């Protein structure tokens, strides 16, 4: 359950940016979470509801999550495929000469502030 630590990191980052940019309120925060990032979006939401109350700036801030699908690229046949469905082995040529293109991200994408 590293999601609590992740939420605390997001809160600290947003509060720092708020001071630097003289923000008075933050309406929403959008996070992008990769499908294979090991972050559980439901846990993020639950911890967010708890942790935001400790921040005067963020106590009413909405957390939005965009899920990013995991995609793998095969270097042998040069095709991409859904990682979760097929794993490391390419479904087109059956080789293992593959790498993850997207799906491991955790990004603060957007801060809607005033």
PDB file of N, CA and C in Angstrom:
ATOM      1  N   UNK A   1       0.819  -1.193   0.000  1.00  0.00           N
ATOM      2  CA  UNK A   1       0.000   0.000   0.000  1.00  0.00           C
ATOM      3  C   UNK A   1       0.859   1.252   0.000  1.00  0.00           C
ATOM      4  N   UNK A   2       1.619   1.418  -1.050  1.00  0.00           N
ATOM      5  CA  UNK A   2       2.440   2.609  -1.201  1.00  0.00           C
ATOM      6  C   UNK A   2       1.622   3.796  -1.702  1.00  0.00           C
ATOM      7  N   UNK A   3       0.358   3.580  -1.954  1.00  0.00           N
ATOM      8  CA  UNK A   3      -0.499   4.658  -2.443  1.00  0.00           C
ATOM      9  C   UNK A   3      -0.622   5.807  -1.448  1.00  0.00           C
ATOM     10  N   UNK A   4      -0.605   5.508  -0.139  1.00  0.00           N
ATOM     11  CA  UNK A   4      -0.675   6.589   0.854  1.00  0.00           C
ATOM     12  C   UNK A   4       0.539   7.496   0.727  1.00  0.00           C
ATOM     13  N   UNK A   5       1.720   6.908   0.622  1.00  0.00           N
ATOM     14  CA  UNK A   5       2.933   7.701   0.428  1.00  0.00           C
ATOM     15  C   UNK A   5       2.892   8.491  -0.862  1.00  0.00           C
ATOM     16  N   UNK A   6       2.319   7.908  -1.883  1.00  0.00           N
ATOM     17  CA  UNK A   6       2.188   8.580  -3.172  1.00  0.00           C
ATOM     18  C   UNK A   6       1.256   9.782  -3.050  1.00  0.00           C
ATOM     19  N   UNK A   7       0.143   9.609  -2.357  1.00  0.00           N
ATOM     20  CA  UNK A   7      -0.799  10.714  -2.154  1.00  0.00           C
ATOM     21  C   UNK A   7      -0.135  11.835  -1.351  1.00  0.00           C
ATOM     22  N   UNK A   8       0.613  11.491  -0.334  1.00  0.00           N
ATOM     23  CA  UNK A   8       1.304  12.506   0.467  1.00  0.00           C
ATOM     24  C   UNK A   8       2.310  13.259  -0.406  1.00  0.00           C
ATOM     25  N   UNK A   9       3.027  12.539  -1.257  1.00  0.00           N
ATOM     26  CA  UNK A   9       3.966  13.183  -2.180  1.00  0.00           C
ATOM     27  C   UNK A   9       3.231  14.153  -3.109  1.00  0.00           C
ATOM     28  N   UNK A  10       2.097  13.743  -3.653  1.00  0.00           N
ATOM     29  CA  UNK A  10       1.315  14.611  -4.545  1.00  0.00           C
ATOM     30  C   UNK A  10       0.873  15.868  -3.785  1.00  0.00           C
ATOM     31  N   UNK A  11       0.379  15.695  -2.580  1.00  0.00           N
ATOM     32  CA  UNK A  11      -0.066  16.843  -1.783  1.00  0.00           C
ATOM     33  C   UNK A  11       1.088  17.808  -1.523  1.00  0.00           C
ATOM     34  N   UNK A  12       2.235  17.280  -1.121  1.00  0.00           N
ATOM     35  CA  UNK A  12       3.400  18.137  -0.861  1.00  0.00           C
ATOM     36  C   UNK A  12       3.846  18.869  -2.121  1.00  0.00           C
ATOM     37  N   UNK A  13       3.806  18.184  -3.248  1.00  0.00           N
ATOM     38  CA  UNK A  13       4.194  18.795  -4.518  1.00  0.00           C
ATOM     39  C   UNK A  13       3.235  19.910  -4.907  1.00  0.00           C
ATOM     40  N   UNK A  14       1.942  19.652  -4.774  1.00  0.00           N
ATOM     41  CA  UNK A  14       0.938  20.667  -5.131  1.00  0.00           C
ATOM     42  C   UNK A  14       1.036  21.868  -4.199  1.00  0.00           C
ATOM     43  N   UNK A  15       1.212  21.627  -2.905  1.00  0.00           N
ATOM     44  CA  UNK A  15       1.339  22.739  -1.958  1.00  0.00           C
ATOM     45  C   UNK A  15       2.568  23.598  -2.280  1.00  0.00           C
ATOM     46  N   UNK A  16       3.659  22.963  -2.646  1.00  0.00           N
ATOM     47  CA  UNK A  16       4.872  23.706  -3.016  1.00  0.00           C
ATOM     48  C   UNK A  16       4.621  24.549  -4.270  1.00  0.00           C
ATOM     49  N   UNK A  17       3.989  23.955  -5.277  1.00  0.00           N
ATOM     50  CA  UNK A  17       3.663  24.692  -6.494  1.00  0.00           C
ATOM     51  C   UNK A  17       2.692  25.835  -6.217  1.00  0.00           C
ATOM     52  N   UNK A  18       1.778  25.616  -5.298  1.00  0.00           N
ATOM     53  CA  UNK A  18       0.811  26.655  -4.946  1.00  0.00           C
ATOM     54  C   UNK A  18       1.507  27.871  -4.340  1.00  0.00           C
ATOM     55  N   UNK A  19       2.471  27.631  -3.475  1.00  0.00           N
ATOM     56  CA  UNK A  19       3.229  28.736  -2.876  1.00  0.00           C
ATOM     57  C   UNK A  19       4.026  29.465  -3.947  1.00  0.00           C
ATOM     58  N   UNK A  20       4.727  28.705  -4.783  1.00  0.00           N
ATOM     59  CA  UNK A  20       5.553  29.301  -5.844  1.00  0.00           C
ATOM     60  C   UNK A  20       4.731  30.135  -6.819  1.00  0.00           C
ATOM     61  N   UNK A  21       3.492  29.711  -7.063  1.00  0.00           N
ATOM     62  CA  UNK A  21       2.643  30.385  -8.048  1.00  0.00           C
ATOM     63  C   UNK A  21       1.549  31.239  -7.431  1.00  0.00           C
ATOM     64  N   UNK A  22       1.599  31.401  -6.112  1.00  0.00           N
ATOM     65  CA  UNK A  22       0.637  32.231  -5.372  1.00  0.00           C
ATOM     66  C   UNK A  22      -0.812  31.851  -5.665  1.00  0.00           C
ATOM     67  N   UNK A  23      -1.096  30.550  -5.573  1.00  0.00           N
ATOM     68  CA  UNK A  23      -2.441  30.049  -5.805  1.00  0.00           C
ATOM     69  C   UNK A  23      -3.257  30.122  -4.516  1.00  0.00           C
ATOM     70  N   UNK A  24      -4.515  30.489  -4.653  1.00  0.00           N
ATOM     71  CA  UNK A  24      -5.369  30.582  -3.469  1.00  0.00           C
ATOM     72  C   UNK A  24      -6.271  29.360  -3.309  1.00  0.00           C
ATOM     73  N   UNK A  25      -6.485  28.638  -4.406  1.00  0.00           N
ATOM     74  CA  UNK A  25      -7.340  27.453  -4.345  1.00  0.00           C
ATOM     75  C   UNK A  25      -6.974  26.493  -5.476  1.00  0.00           C
ATOM     76  N   UNK A  26      -7.196  25.224  -5.209  1.00  0.00           N
ATOM     77  CA  UNK A  26      -6.998  24.190  -6.228  1.00  0.00           C
ATOM     78  C   UNK A  26      -8.314  23.439  -6.346  1.00  0.00           C
ATOM     79  N   UNK A  27      -8.932  23.515  -7.520  1.00  0.00           N
ATOM     80  CA  UNK A  27     -10.228  22.874  -7.730  1.00  0.00           C
ATOM     81  C   UNK A  27     -10.104  21.382  -7.980  1.00  0.00           C
ATOM     82  N   UNK A  28      -9.118  21.014  -8.808  1.00  0.00           N
ATOM     83  CA  UNK A  28      -8.948  19.594  -9.112  1.00  0.00           C
ATOM     84  C   UNK A  28      -7.505  19.295  -9.502  1.00  0.00           C
ATOM     85  N   UNK A  29      -7.166  18.039  -9.358  1.00  0.00           N
ATOM     86  CA  UNK A  29      -5.865  17.529  -9.769  1.00  0.00           C
ATOM     87  C   UNK A  29      -6.141  16.295 -10.623  1.00  0.00           C
ATOM     88  N   UNK A  30      -5.477  16.226 -11.775  1.00  0.00           N
ATOM     89  CA  UNK A  30      -5.618  15.067 -12.649  1.00  0.00           C
ATOM     90  C   UNK A  30      -4.309  14.291 -12.650  1.00  0.00           C
ATOM     91  N   UNK A  31      -4.404  13.012 -12.315  1.00  0.00           N
ATOM     92  CA  UNK A  31      -3.246  12.123 -12.330  1.00  0.00           C
ATOM     93  C   UNK A  31      -3.406  11.118 -13.451  1.00  0.00           C
ATOM     94  N   UNK A  32      -2.313  10.792 -14.106  1.00  0.00           N
ATOM     95  CA  UNK A  32      -2.301   9.704 -15.075  1.00  0.00           C
ATOM     96  C   UNK A  32      -1.620   8.513 -14.413  1.00  0.00           C
ATOM     97  N   UNK A  33      -2.298   7.372 -14.432  1.00  0.00           N
ATOM     98  CA  UNK A  33      -1.788   6.168 -13.773  1.00  0.00           C
ATOM     99  C   UNK A  33      -1.726   5.038 -14.796  1.00  0.00           C
ATOM    100  N   UNK A  34      -0.538   4.525 -14.995  1.00  0.00           N
ATOM    101  CA  UNK A  34      -0.341   3.426 -15.934  1.00  0.00           C
ATOM    102  C   UNK A  34      -0.920   2.128 -15.413  1.00  0.00           C
ATOM    103  N   UNK A  35      -1.391   1.328 -16.333  1.00  0.00           N
ATOM    104  CA  UNK A  35      -2.048   0.059 -16.022  1.00  0.00           C
ATOM    105  C   UNK A  35      -1.128  -0.911 -15.283  1.00  0.00           C
ATOM    106  N   UNK A  36       0.173  -0.844 -15.526  1.00  0.00           N
ATOM    107  CA  UNK A  36       1.123  -1.737 -14.856  1.00  0.00           C
ATOM    108  C   UNK A  36       2.086  -0.960 -13.954  1.00  0.00           C
ATOM    109  N   UNK A  37       1.642   0.166 -13.440  1.00  0.00           N
ATOM    110  CA  UNK A  37       2.484   1.027 -12.604  1.00  0.00           C
ATOM    111  C   UNK A  37       2.586   0.559 -11.160  1.00  0.00           C
ATOM    112  N   UNK A  38       1.841  -0.437 -10.776  1.00  0.00           N
ATOM    113  CA  UNK A  38       1.703  -0.961  -9.407  1.00  0.00           C
ATOM    114  C   UNK A  38       0.903  -0.031  -8.501  1.00  0.00           C
ATOM    115  N   UNK A  39       0.349   1.038  -9.040  1.00  0.00           N
ATOM    116  CA  UNK A  39      -0.517   1.940  -8.285  1.00  0.00           C
ATOM    117  C   UNK A  39      -1.960   1.472  -8.482  1.00  0.00           C
ATOM    118  N   UNK A  40      -2.698   1.332  -7.390  1.00  0.00           N
ATOM    119  CA  UNK A  40      -4.106   0.932  -7.459  1.00  0.00           C
ATOM    120  C   UNK A  40      -4.954   2.207  -7.370  1.00  0.00           C
ATOM    121  N   UNK A  41      -5.600   2.600  -8.479  1.00  0.00           N
ATOM    122  CA  UNK A  41      -6.352   3.852  -8.501  1.00  0.00           C
ATOM    123  C   UNK A  41      -7.392   3.982  -7.389  1.00  0.00           C
ATOM    124  N   UNK A  42      -8.105   2.909  -7.061  1.00  0.00           N
ATOM    125  CA  UNK A  42      -9.115   2.982  -5.997  1.00  0.00           C
ATOM    126  C   UNK A  42      -8.476   3.325  -4.652  1.00  0.00           C
ATOM    127  N   UNK A  43      -7.290   2.793  -4.399  1.00  0.00           N
ATOM    128  CA  UNK A  43      -6.580   3.127  -3.156  1.00  0.00           C
ATOM    129  C   UNK A  43      -6.171   4.600  -3.145  1.00  0.00           C
ATOM    130  N   UNK A  44      -5.726   5.101  -4.298  1.00  0.00           N
ATOM    131  CA  UNK A  44      -5.376   6.519  -4.391  1.00  0.00           C
ATOM    132  C   UNK A  44      -6.557   7.393  -4.005  1.00  0.00           C
ATOM    133  N   UNK A  45      -7.713   7.077  -4.567  1.00  0.00           N
ATOM    134  CA  UNK A  45      -8.923   7.864  -4.300  1.00  0.00           C
ATOM    135  C   UNK A  45      -9.270   7.815  -2.815  1.00  0.00           C
ATOM    136  N   UNK A  46      -9.234   6.631  -2.225  1.00  0.00           N
ATOM    137  CA  UNK A  46      -9.571   6.497  -0.800  1.00  0.00           C
ATOM    138  C   UNK A  46      -8.588   7.251   0.088  1.00  0.00           C
ATOM    139  N   UNK A  47      -7.303   7.128  -0.184  1.00  0.00           N
ATOM    140  CA  UNK A  47      -6.302   7.844   0.609  1.00  0.00           C
ATOM    141  C   UNK A  47      -6.395   9.347   0.383  1.00  0.00           C
ATOM    142  N   UNK A  48      -6.734   9.750  -0.847  1.00  0.00           N
ATOM    143  CA  UNK A  48      -6.885  11.169  -1.154  1.00  0.00           C
ATOM    144  C   UNK A  48      -7.971  11.791  -0.278  1.00  0.00           C
ATOM    145  N   UNK A  49      -9.112  11.103  -0.166  1.00  0.00           N
ATOM    146  CA  UNK A  49     -10.226  11.619   0.636  1.00  0.00           C
ATOM    147  C   UNK A  49      -9.808  11.855   2.079  1.00  0.00           C
ATOM    148  N   UNK A  50      -8.951  11.009   2.577  1.00  0.00           N
ATOM    149  CA  UNK A  50      -8.451  11.129   3.952  1.00  0.00           C
ATOM    150  C   UNK A  50      -7.369  12.210   4.060  1.00  0.00           C
ATOM    151  N   UNK A  51      -6.369  12.137   3.216  1.00  0.00           N
ATOM    152  CA  UNK A  51      -5.181  12.988   3.351  1.00  0.00           C
ATOM    153  C   UNK A  51      -5.438  14.445   2.989  1.00  0.00           C
ATOM    154  N   UNK A  52      -6.322  14.717   2.049  1.00  0.00           N
ATOM    155  CA  UNK A  52      -6.558  16.108   1.626  1.00  0.00           C
ATOM    156  C   UNK A  52      -7.133  16.964   2.754  1.00  0.00           C
ATOM    157  N   UNK A  53      -7.803  16.331   3.704  1.00  0.00           N
ATOM    158  CA  UNK A  53      -8.409  17.071   4.812  1.00  0.00           C
ATOM    159  C   UNK A  53      -7.362  17.736   5.704  1.00  0.00           C
ATOM    160  N   UNK A  54      -6.133  17.250   5.626  1.00  0.00           N
ATOM    161  CA  UNK A  54      -5.044  17.800   6.435  1.00  0.00           C
ATOM    162  C   UNK A  54      -4.429  19.037   5.792  1.00  0.00           C
ATOM    163  N   UNK A  55      -4.849  19.353   4.594  1.00  0.00           N
ATOM    164  CA  UNK A  55      -4.307  20.497   3.862  1.00  0.00           C
ATOM    165  C   UNK A  55      -5.404  21.542   3.668  1.00  0.00           C
ATOM    166  N   UNK A  56      -5.195  22.719   4.174  1.00  0.00           N
ATOM    167  CA  UNK A  56      -6.177  23.793   4.020  1.00  0.00           C
ATOM    168  C   UNK A  56      -6.396  24.117   2.544  1.00  0.00           C
ATOM    169  N   UNK A  57      -5.335  24.103   1.761  1.00  0.00           N
ATOM    170  CA  UNK A  57      -5.420  24.409   0.337  1.00  0.00           C
ATOM    171  C   UNK A  57      -6.186  23.348  -0.450  1.00  0.00           C
ATOM    172  N   UNK A  58      -6.051  22.082  -0.062  1.00  0.00           N
ATOM    173  CA  UNK A  58      -6.574  20.984  -0.866  1.00  0.00           C
ATOM    174  C   UNK A  58      -7.800  20.288  -0.283  1.00  0.00           C
ATOM    175  N   UNK A  59      -8.315  20.771   0.823  1.00  0.00           N
ATOM    176  CA  UNK A  59      -9.388  20.048   1.517  1.00  0.00           C
ATOM    177  C   UNK A  59     -10.640  19.821   0.677  1.00  0.00           C
ATOM    178  N   UNK A  60     -10.884  20.672  -0.319  1.00  0.00           N
ATOM    179  CA  UNK A  60     -12.059  20.517  -1.189  1.00  0.00           C
ATOM    180  C   UNK A  60     -11.681  20.143  -2.627  1.00  0.00           C
ATOM    181  N   UNK A  61     -10.447  19.768  -2.832  1.00  0.00           N
ATOM    182  CA  UNK A  61      -9.948  19.485  -4.175  1.00  0.00           C
ATOM    183  C   UNK A  61     -10.379  18.105  -4.650  1.00  0.00           C
ATOM    184  N   UNK A  62     -10.851  18.056  -5.892  1.00  0.00           N
ATOM    185  CA  UNK A  62     -11.265  16.792  -6.504  1.00  0.00           C
ATOM    186  C   UNK A  62     -10.047  16.113  -7.132  1.00  0.00           C
ATOM    187  N   UNK A  63      -9.954  14.813  -6.962  1.00  0.00           N
ATOM    188  CA  UNK A  63      -8.903  14.022  -7.591  1.00  0.00           C
ATOM    189  C   UNK A  63      -9.497  13.304  -8.798  1.00  0.00           C
ATOM    190  N   UNK A  64      -8.891  13.538  -9.966  1.00  0.00           N
ATOM    191  CA  UNK A  64      -9.313  12.866 -11.191  1.00  0.00           C
ATOM    192  C   UNK A  64      -8.182  11.935 -11.620  1.00  0.00           C
ATOM    193  N   UNK A  65      -8.559  10.741 -12.054  1.00  0.00           N
ATOM    194  CA  UNK A  65      -7.551   9.772 -12.469  1.00  0.00           C
ATOM    195  C   UNK A  65      -7.827   9.328 -13.897  1.00  0.00           C
ATOM    196  N   UNK A  66      -6.785   9.397 -14.719  1.00  0.00           N
ATOM    197  CA  UNK A  66      -6.848   8.879 -16.082  1.00  0.00           C
ATOM    198  C   UNK A  66      -6.001   7.610 -16.117  1.00  0.00           C
ATOM    199  N   UNK A  67      -6.616   6.516 -16.491  1.00  0.00           N
ATOM    200  CA  UNK A  67      -5.902   5.245 -16.589  1.00  0.00           C
ATOM    201  C   UNK A  67      -5.251   5.134 -17.964  1.00  0.00           C
ATOM    202  N   UNK A  68      -3.971   4.777 -17.976  1.00  0.00           N
ATOM    203  CA  UNK A  68      -3.233   4.613 -19.225  1.00  0.00           C
ATOM    204  C   UNK A  68      -2.997   3.135 -19.482  1.00  0.00           C
ATOM    205  N   UNK A  69      -3.424   2.660 -20.626  1.00  0.00           N
ATOM    206  CA  UNK A  69      -3.249   1.257 -20.995  1.00  0.00           C
ATOM    207  C   UNK A  69      -1.776   0.939 -21.190  1.00  0.00           C
ATOM    208  N   UNK A  70      -1.399  -0.275 -20.830  1.00  0.00           N
ATOM    209  CA  UNK A  70      -0.033  -0.747 -21.039  1.00  0.00           C
ATOM    210  C   UNK A  70       0.090  -1.286 -22.463  1.00  0.00           C
ATOM    211  N   UNK A  71       1.117  -0.811 -23.159  1.00  0.00           N
ATOM    212  CA  UNK A  71       1.374  -1.231 -24.535  1.00  0.00           C
ATOM    213  C   UNK A  71       2.832  -1.659 -24.645  1.00  0.00           C
ATOM    214  N   UNK A  72       3.056  -2.798 -25.283  1.00  0.00           N
ATOM    215  CA  UNK A  72       4.404  -3.330 -25.480  1.00  0.00           C
ATOM    216  C   UNK A  72       4.739  -3.322 -26.964  1.00  0.00           C
ATOM    217  N   UNK A  73       6.014  -3.080 -27.273  1.00  0.00           N
ATOM    218  CA  UNK A  73       6.509  -3.067 -28.652  1.00  0.00           C
ATOM    219  C   UNK A  73       7.430  -4.258 -28.869  1.00  0.00           C
ATOM    220  N   UNK A  74       7.233  -4.954 -29.970  1.00  0.00           N
ATOM    221  CA  UNK A  74       8.098  -6.078 -30.348  1.00  0.00           C
ATOM    222  C   UNK A  74       9.154  -5.567 -31.331  1.00  0.00           C
ATOM    223  N   UNK A  75      10.413  -5.744 -30.980  1.00  0.00           N
ATOM    224  CA  UNK A  75      11.494  -5.279 -31.845  1.00  0.00           C
ATOM    225  C   UNK A  75      11.688  -6.173 -33.067  1.00  0.00           C
ATOM    226  N   UNK A  76      11.210  -7.397 -32.999  1.00  0.00           N
ATOM    227  CA  UNK A  76      11.387  -8.313 -34.125  1.00  0.00           C
ATOM    228  C   UNK A  76      10.383  -8.059 -35.246  1.00  0.00           C
ATOM    229  N   UNK A  77       9.098  -7.972 -34.916  1.00  0.00           N
ATOM    230  CA  UNK A  77       8.083  -7.751 -35.962  1.00  0.00           C
ATOM    231  C   UNK A  77       7.609  -6.301 -36.015  1.00  0.00           C
ATOM    232  N   UNK A  78       8.098  -5.481 -35.073  1.00  0.00           N
ATOM    233  CA  UNK A  78       7.801  -4.044 -35.021  1.00  0.00           C
ATOM    234  C   UNK A  78       6.313  -3.729 -34.876  1.00  0.00           C
ATOM    235  N   UNK A  79       5.626  -4.546 -34.101  1.00  0.00           N
ATOM    236  CA  UNK A  79       4.209  -4.297 -33.816  1.00  0.00           C
ATOM    237  C   UNK A  79       4.039  -4.039 -32.324  1.00  0.00           C
ATOM    238  N   UNK A  80       2.941  -3.351 -31.998  1.00  0.00           N
ATOM    239  CA  UNK A  80       2.597  -3.132 -30.596  1.00  0.00           C
ATOM    240  C   UNK A  80       1.397  -4.000 -30.242  1.00  0.00           C
ATOM    241  N   UNK A  81       1.272  -4.257 -28.941  1.00  0.00           N
ATOM    242  CA  UNK A  81       0.155  -5.094 -28.468  1.00  0.00           C
ATOM    243  C   UNK A  81      -0.143  -4.771 -27.007  1.00  0.00           C
ATOM    244  N   UNK A  82      -1.343  -5.154 -26.520  1.00  0.00           N
ATOM    245  CA  UNK A  82      -1.720  -4.900 -25.123  1.00  0.00           C
ATOM    246  C   UNK A  82      -0.900  -5.778 -24.171  1.00  0.00           C
ATOM    247  N   UNK A  83      -0.158  -5.146 -23.310  1.00  0.00           N
ATOM    248  CA  UNK A  83       0.760  -5.831 -22.400  1.00  0.00           C
ATOM    249  C   UNK A  83       0.048  -6.775 -21.444  1.00  0.00           C
ATOM    250  N   UNK A  84      -1.013  -6.311 -20.808  1.00  0.00           N
ATOM    251  CA  UNK A  84      -1.690  -7.110 -19.788  1.00  0.00           C
ATOM    252  C   UNK A  84      -2.251  -8.399 -20.388  1.00  0.00           C
ATOM    253  N   UNK A  85      -2.750  -8.313 -21.589  1.00  0.00           N
ATOM    254  CA  UNK A  85      -3.348  -9.479 -22.231  1.00  0.00           C
ATOM    255  C   UNK A  85      -2.301 -10.516 -22.650  1.00  0.00           C
ATOM    256  N   UNK A  86      -1.135 -10.056 -23.122  1.00  0.00           N
ATOM    257  CA  UNK A  86      -0.171 -10.995 -23.691  1.00  0.00           C
ATOM    258  C   UNK A  86       1.157 -11.103 -22.941  1.00  0.00           C
ATOM    259  N   UNK A  87       1.438 -10.192 -22.044  1.00  0.00           N
ATOM    260  CA  UNK A  87       2.694 -10.255 -21.303  1.00  0.00           C
ATOM    261  C   UNK A  87       3.883  -9.884 -22.158  1.00  0.00           C
ATOM    262  N   UNK A  88       5.011 -10.518 -21.885  1.00  0.00           N
ATOM    263  CA  UNK A  88       6.258 -10.181 -22.577  1.00  0.00           C
ATOM    264  C   UNK A  88       6.373 -10.840 -23.948  1.00  0.00           C
ATOM    265  N   UNK A  89       5.654 -11.919 -24.183  1.00  0.00           N
ATOM    266  CA  UNK A  89       5.751 -12.630 -25.464  1.00  0.00           C
ATOM    267  C   UNK A  89       4.824 -12.006 -26.508  1.00  0.00           C
ATOM    268  N   UNK A  90       5.390 -11.648 -27.637  1.00  0.00           N
ATOM    269  CA  UNK A  90       4.628 -11.020 -28.720  1.00  0.00           C
ATOM    270  C   UNK A  90       3.580 -11.989 -29.276  1.00  0.00           C
ATOM    271  N   UNK A  91       2.325 -11.571 -29.373  1.00  0.00           N
ATOM    272  CA  UNK A  91       1.287 -12.453 -29.902  1.00  0.00           C
ATOM    273  C   UNK A  91       1.358 -12.624 -31.432  1.00  0.00           C
ATOM    274  N   UNK A  92       2.141 -11.783 -32.095  1.00  0.00           N
ATOM    275  CA  UNK A  92       2.234 -11.849 -33.555  1.00  0.00           C
ATOM    276  C   UNK A  92       3.343 -12.790 -34.034  1.00  0.00           C
ATOM    277  N   UNK A  93       4.529 -12.700 -33.378  1.00  0.00           N
ATOM    278  CA  UNK A  93       5.659 -13.505 -33.843  1.00  0.00           C
ATOM    279  C   UNK A  93       6.211 -14.452 -32.775  1.00  0.00           C
ATOM    280  N   UNK A  94       5.620 -14.411 -31.580  1.00  0.00           N
ATOM    281  CA  UNK A  94       5.980 -15.285 -30.447  1.00  0.00           C
ATOM    282  C   UNK A  94       7.368 -15.040 -29.858  1.00  0.00           C
ATOM    283  N   UNK A  95       8.019 -13.974 -30.235  1.00  0.00           N
ATOM    284  CA  UNK A  95       9.337 -13.662 -29.678  1.00  0.00           C
ATOM    285  C   UNK A  95       9.214 -12.865 -28.386  1.00  0.00           C
ATOM    286  N   UNK A  96      10.320 -12.828 -27.654  1.00  0.00           N
ATOM    287  CA  UNK A  96      10.368 -12.119 -26.384  1.00  0.00           C
ATOM    288  C   UNK A  96      11.219 -10.849 -26.457  1.00  0.00           C
ATOM    289  N   UNK A  97      11.588 -10.433 -27.620  1.00  0.00           N
ATOM    290  CA  UNK A  97      12.417  -9.243 -27.811  1.00  0.00           C
ATOM    291  C   UNK A  97      11.506  -8.013 -27.791  1.00  0.00           C
ATOM    292  N   UNK A  98      10.949  -7.736 -26.620  1.00  0.00           N
ATOM    293  CA  UNK A  98       9.921  -6.710 -26.471  1.00  0.00           C
ATOM    294  C   UNK A  98      10.274  -5.742 -25.351  1.00  0.00           C
ATOM    295  N   UNK A  99       9.622  -4.583 -25.372  1.00  0.00           N
ATOM    296  CA  UNK A  99       9.761  -3.644 -24.263  1.00  0.00           C
ATOM    297  C   UNK A  99       8.471  -2.847 -24.094  1.00  0.00           C
ATOM    298  N   UNK A 100       8.273  -2.395 -22.870  1.00  0.00           N
ATOM    299  CA  UNK A 100       7.082  -1.631 -22.517  1.00  0.00           C
ATOM    300  C   UNK A 100       7.195  -0.214 -23.077  1.00  0.00           C
ATOM    301  N   UNK A 101       6.166   0.217 -23.798  1.00  0.00           N
ATOM    302  CA  UNK A 101       6.139   1.556 -24.381  1.00  0.00           C
ATOM    303  C   UNK A 101       5.401   2.523 -23.449  1.00  0.00           C
ATOM    304  N   UNK A 102       4.218   2.125 -23.023  1.00  0.00           N
ATOM    305  CA  UNK A 102       3.430   2.938 -22.099  1.00  0.00           C
ATOM    306  C   UNK A 102       2.744   2.020 -21.092  1.00  0.00           C
ATOM    307  N   UNK A 103       2.325   2.620 -19.986  1.00  0.00           N
ATOM    308  CA  UNK A 103       1.570   1.856 -18.995  1.00  0.00           C
ATOM    309  C   UNK A 103       2.209   1.787 -17.634  1.00  0.00           C
ATOM    310  N   UNK A 104       3.423   2.323 -17.498  1.00  0.00           N
ATOM    311  CA  UNK A 104       4.113   2.309 -16.210  1.00  0.00           C
ATOM    312  C   UNK A 104       4.175   3.706 -15.593  1.00  0.00           C
ATOM    313  N   UNK A 105       3.469   4.654 -16.190  1.00  0.00           N
ATOM    314  CA  UNK A 105       3.553   6.043 -15.764  1.00  0.00           C
ATOM    315  C   UNK A 105       2.769   6.343 -14.492  1.00  0.00           C
ATOM    316  N   UNK A 106       3.236   7.365 -13.804  1.00  0.00           N
ATOM    317  CA  UNK A 106       2.476   8.016 -12.743  1.00  0.00           C
ATOM    318  C   UNK A 106       2.832   9.491 -12.859  1.00  0.00           C
ATOM    319  N   UNK A 107       1.870  10.294 -13.339  1.00  0.00           N
ATOM    320  CA  UNK A 107       2.151  11.681 -13.691  1.00  0.00           C
ATOM    321  C   UNK A 107       1.073  12.599 -13.117  1.00  0.00           C
ATOM    322  N   UNK A 108       1.503  13.720 -12.554  1.00  0.00           N
ATOM    323  CA  UNK A 108       0.558  14.795 -12.243  1.00  0.00           C
ATOM    324  C   UNK A 108       0.358  15.528 -13.562  1.00  0.00           C
ATOM    325  N   UNK A 109      -0.761  15.278 -14.193  1.00  0.00           N
ATOM    326  CA  UNK A 109      -1.016  15.808 -15.537  1.00  0.00           C
ATOM    327  C   UNK A 109      -1.510  17.248 -15.507  1.00  0.00           C
ATOM    328  N   UNK A 110      -2.420  17.538 -14.572  1.00  0.00           N
ATOM    329  CA  UNK A 110      -3.073  18.837 -14.617  1.00  0.00           C
ATOM    330  C   UNK A 110      -3.478  19.291 -13.228  1.00  0.00           C
ATOM    331  N   UNK A 111      -3.317  20.575 -12.998  1.00  0.00           N
ATOM    332  CA  UNK A 111      -3.761  21.196 -11.756  1.00  0.00           C
ATOM    333  C   UNK A 111      -4.693  22.344 -12.144  1.00  0.00           C
ATOM    334  N   UNK A 112      -5.944  22.219 -11.756  1.00  0.00           N
ATOM    335  CA  UNK A 112      -6.901  23.293 -12.025  1.00  0.00           C
ATOM    336  C   UNK A 112      -6.938  24.171 -10.785  1.00  0.00           C
ATOM    337  N   UNK A 113      -6.435  25.387 -10.949  1.00  0.00           N
ATOM    338  CA  UNK A 113      -6.282  26.267  -9.776  1.00  0.00           C
ATOM    339  C   UNK A 113      -6.753  27.673 -10.058  1.00  0.00           C
ATOM    340  N   UNK A 114      -6.888  28.421  -8.958  1.00  0.00           N
ATOM    341  CA  UNK A 114      -7.284  29.835  -9.058  1.00  0.00           C
ATOM    342  C   UNK A 114      -6.276  30.672  -8.308  1.00  0.00           C
TER     343      UNK A 114
END
